[in-house]
Structures are given as structure tokens and as C-alpha cells.
Amino acid sequence: MSILPKILVVDDDPDIVEILRYNLSLAGYEVKSAANGKEAIKKAKLFIPQIILLDIMMP
């Protein structure tokens, strides 16, 4: 059993999140997403991703 690399995608635009989730999953990553900073912090503590892709222009 192999362990997939983990990525957390943080963006308030659901279309961007879905595009990233789809493509990263196809590339062999385990992907979780968050729509805001508070949710991202909670998910990062539980999911422990290797990479966080963060939108810097969120409200």
C-alpha cells in the first residue's frame, strides 16, 4: 500500500478548487480543500499536508 502525497487547496472560488482537486487527484495526490483561512487551519492540523496551495487574494 502506497501513501499518496497530501495537498491542501485553499480558495474561496469553488470552480478553482474543483479544477485543482480534479487535476491533482488525477496526478496521484490526495487532495483536501478549504474555502477560508479558519477552515484551512483546522484541516491542516488534521490532514497534515505536504503542500498547501493558498489563494492570496481571498476576502
N, C-alpha and C. Protein backbone atom coordinates (compact mmCIF):
# COMPACT_ATOMS: atom_id res chain seq x y z
N MET A 1 0.84 -1.18 0.00
CA MET A 1 0.00 0.00 0.00
C MET A 1 0.89 1.24 0.00
N SER A 2 0.69 2.12 -0.98
CA SER A 2 1.49 3.34 -1.04
C SER A 2 0.72 4.50 -0.42
N ILE A 3 1.45 5.44 0.11
CA ILE A 3 0.84 6.62 0.72
C ILE A 3 0.91 7.76 -0.30
N LEU A 4 -0.24 8.33 -0.62
CA LEU A 4 -0.28 9.43 -1.58
C LEU A 4 0.19 10.72 -0.93
N PRO A 5 0.96 11.53 -1.68
CA PRO A 5 1.32 12.86 -1.16
C PRO A 5 0.05 13.68 -0.94
N LYS A 6 0.04 14.49 0.13
CA LYS A 6 -1.16 15.25 0.50
C LYS A 6 -1.02 16.73 0.16
N ILE A 7 -2.08 17.28 -0.44
CA ILE A 7 -2.13 18.70 -0.78
C ILE A 7 -3.42 19.29 -0.24
N LEU A 8 -3.31 20.45 0.40
CA LEU A 8 -4.48 21.20 0.85
C LEU A 8 -4.63 22.41 -0.06
N VAL A 9 -5.79 22.53 -0.71
CA VAL A 9 -6.09 23.65 -1.60
C VAL A 9 -7.00 24.61 -0.84
N VAL A 10 -6.59 25.89 -0.76
CA VAL A 10 -7.38 26.89 -0.04
C VAL A 10 -7.74 28.01 -1.02
N ASP A 11 -9.03 28.12 -1.31
CA ASP A 11 -9.50 29.14 -2.25
C ASP A 11 -10.99 29.36 -2.01
N ASP A 12 -11.44 30.61 -2.14
CA ASP A 12 -12.85 30.91 -1.94
C ASP A 12 -13.67 30.74 -3.22
N ASP A 13 -13.01 30.45 -4.34
CA ASP A 13 -13.71 30.23 -5.61
C ASP A 13 -13.90 28.72 -5.82
N PRO A 14 -15.13 28.22 -5.72
CA PRO A 14 -15.36 26.77 -5.82
C PRO A 14 -14.96 26.18 -7.17
N ASP A 15 -15.01 26.97 -8.23
CA ASP A 15 -14.60 26.47 -9.55
C ASP A 15 -13.10 26.19 -9.58
N ILE A 16 -12.32 27.09 -9.02
CA ILE A 16 -10.86 26.90 -8.96
C ILE A 16 -10.53 25.68 -8.12
N VAL A 17 -11.20 25.56 -6.98
CA VAL A 17 -10.96 24.41 -6.09
C VAL A 17 -11.25 23.11 -6.83
N GLU A 18 -12.36 23.05 -7.54
CA GLU A 18 -12.73 21.81 -8.24
C GLU A 18 -11.74 21.47 -9.34
N ILE A 19 -11.29 22.47 -10.09
CA ILE A 19 -10.29 22.23 -11.14
C ILE A 19 -9.00 21.68 -10.54
N LEU A 20 -8.53 22.31 -9.46
CA LEU A 20 -7.30 21.85 -8.82
C LEU A 20 -7.47 20.46 -8.22
N ARG A 21 -8.59 20.23 -7.53
CA ARG A 21 -8.83 18.91 -6.93
C ARG A 21 -8.83 17.82 -7.99
N TYR A 22 -9.52 18.07 -9.09
CA TYR A 22 -9.62 17.08 -10.16
C TYR A 22 -8.25 16.76 -10.75
N ASN A 23 -7.52 17.79 -11.14
CA ASN A 23 -6.23 17.58 -11.80
C ASN A 23 -5.18 17.00 -10.86
N LEU A 24 -5.15 17.46 -9.63
CA LEU A 24 -4.17 16.93 -8.68
C LEU A 24 -4.49 15.48 -8.31
N SER A 25 -5.77 15.16 -8.20
CA SER A 25 -6.16 13.77 -7.92
C SER A 25 -5.74 12.85 -9.06
N LEU A 26 -5.95 13.31 -10.30
CA LEU A 26 -5.52 12.52 -11.46
C LEU A 26 -4.01 12.32 -11.47
N ALA A 27 -3.28 13.29 -10.94
CA ALA A 27 -1.82 13.22 -10.92
C ALA A 27 -1.30 12.36 -9.76
N GLY A 28 -2.22 11.85 -8.92
CA GLY A 28 -1.81 10.93 -7.87
C GLY A 28 -1.67 11.53 -6.49
N TYR A 29 -2.29 12.68 -6.25
CA TYR A 29 -2.23 13.31 -4.94
C TYR A 29 -3.54 13.11 -4.19
N GLU A 30 -3.45 13.06 -2.87
CA GLU A 30 -4.64 13.10 -2.02
C GLU A 30 -4.91 14.57 -1.74
N VAL A 31 -6.10 15.04 -2.10
CA VAL A 31 -6.39 16.47 -2.04
C VAL A 31 -7.57 16.74 -1.12
N LYS A 32 -7.39 17.72 -0.24
CA LYS A 32 -8.48 18.25 0.58
C LYS A 32 -8.57 19.73 0.26
N SER A 33 -9.70 20.35 0.57
CA SER A 33 -9.86 21.77 0.27
C SER A 33 -10.51 22.50 1.43
N ALA A 34 -10.29 23.82 1.43
CA ALA A 34 -10.89 24.71 2.41
C ALA A 34 -11.26 26.00 1.70
N ALA A 35 -12.34 26.64 2.15
CA ALA A 35 -12.83 27.85 1.50
C ALA A 35 -12.40 29.14 2.19
N ASN A 36 -11.79 29.02 3.37
CA ASN A 36 -11.34 30.22 4.08
C ASN A 36 -10.19 29.86 5.03
N GLY A 37 -9.60 30.88 5.63
CA GLY A 37 -8.44 30.68 6.48
C GLY A 37 -8.69 29.83 7.71
N LYS A 38 -9.81 30.07 8.40
CA LYS A 38 -10.11 29.30 9.61
C LYS A 38 -10.29 27.81 9.29
N GLU A 39 -11.02 27.55 8.22
CA GLU A 39 -11.24 26.16 7.80
C GLU A 39 -9.91 25.52 7.40
N ALA A 40 -9.05 26.30 6.74
CA ALA A 40 -7.74 25.78 6.30
C ALA A 40 -6.87 25.39 7.49
N ILE A 41 -6.87 26.20 8.52
CA ILE A 41 -6.07 25.88 9.71
C ILE A 41 -6.56 24.59 10.36
N LYS A 42 -7.88 24.45 10.51
CA LYS A 42 -8.44 23.23 11.10
C LYS A 42 -8.08 22.00 10.27
N LYS A 43 -8.25 22.10 8.94
CA LYS A 43 -7.96 20.95 8.08
C LYS A 43 -6.48 20.63 8.04
N ALA A 44 -5.63 21.65 8.07
CA ALA A 44 -4.18 21.43 8.04
C ALA A 44 -3.73 20.68 9.29
N LYS A 45 -4.32 20.98 10.43
CA LYS A 45 -3.95 20.30 11.68
C LYS A 45 -4.34 18.82 11.65
N LEU A 46 -5.47 18.51 11.02
CA LEU A 46 -5.94 17.12 10.97
C LEU A 46 -5.35 16.34 9.80
N PHE A 47 -5.25 16.97 8.64
CA PHE A 47 -4.84 16.33 7.40
C PHE A 47 -3.32 16.25 7.26
N ILE A 48 -2.61 17.23 7.81
CA ILE A 48 -1.14 17.36 7.77
C ILE A 48 -0.62 17.21 6.33
N PRO A 49 -0.90 18.20 5.48
CA PRO A 49 -0.47 18.13 4.08
C PRO A 49 1.02 18.41 3.92
N GLN A 50 1.60 17.89 2.84
CA GLN A 50 2.98 18.22 2.50
C GLN A 50 3.05 19.60 1.83
N ILE A 51 1.97 19.97 1.12
CA ILE A 51 1.92 21.25 0.41
C ILE A 51 0.56 21.89 0.64
N ILE A 52 0.55 23.21 0.80
CA ILE A 52 -0.69 23.98 0.85
C ILE A 52 -0.68 24.96 -0.31
N LEU A 53 -1.68 24.86 -1.19
CA LEU A 53 -1.85 25.82 -2.28
C LEU A 53 -2.87 26.84 -1.80
N LEU A 54 -2.41 28.09 -1.64
CA LEU A 54 -3.21 29.11 -0.98
C LEU A 54 -3.47 30.30 -1.91
N ASP A 55 -4.72 30.66 -2.07
CA ASP A 55 -5.10 31.86 -2.81
C ASP A 55 -4.77 33.06 -1.93
N ILE A 56 -3.97 33.99 -2.45
CA ILE A 56 -3.58 35.14 -1.63
C ILE A 56 -4.54 36.32 -1.77
N MET A 57 -5.56 36.20 -2.61
CA MET A 57 -6.50 37.30 -2.83
C MET A 57 -7.89 36.99 -2.26
N MET A 58 -7.96 36.21 -1.20
CA MET A 58 -9.26 35.90 -0.61
C MET A 58 -9.72 37.07 0.25
N PRO A 59 -11.05 37.23 0.37
CA PRO A 59 -11.56 38.32 1.23
C PRO A 59 -11.28 38.05 2.70
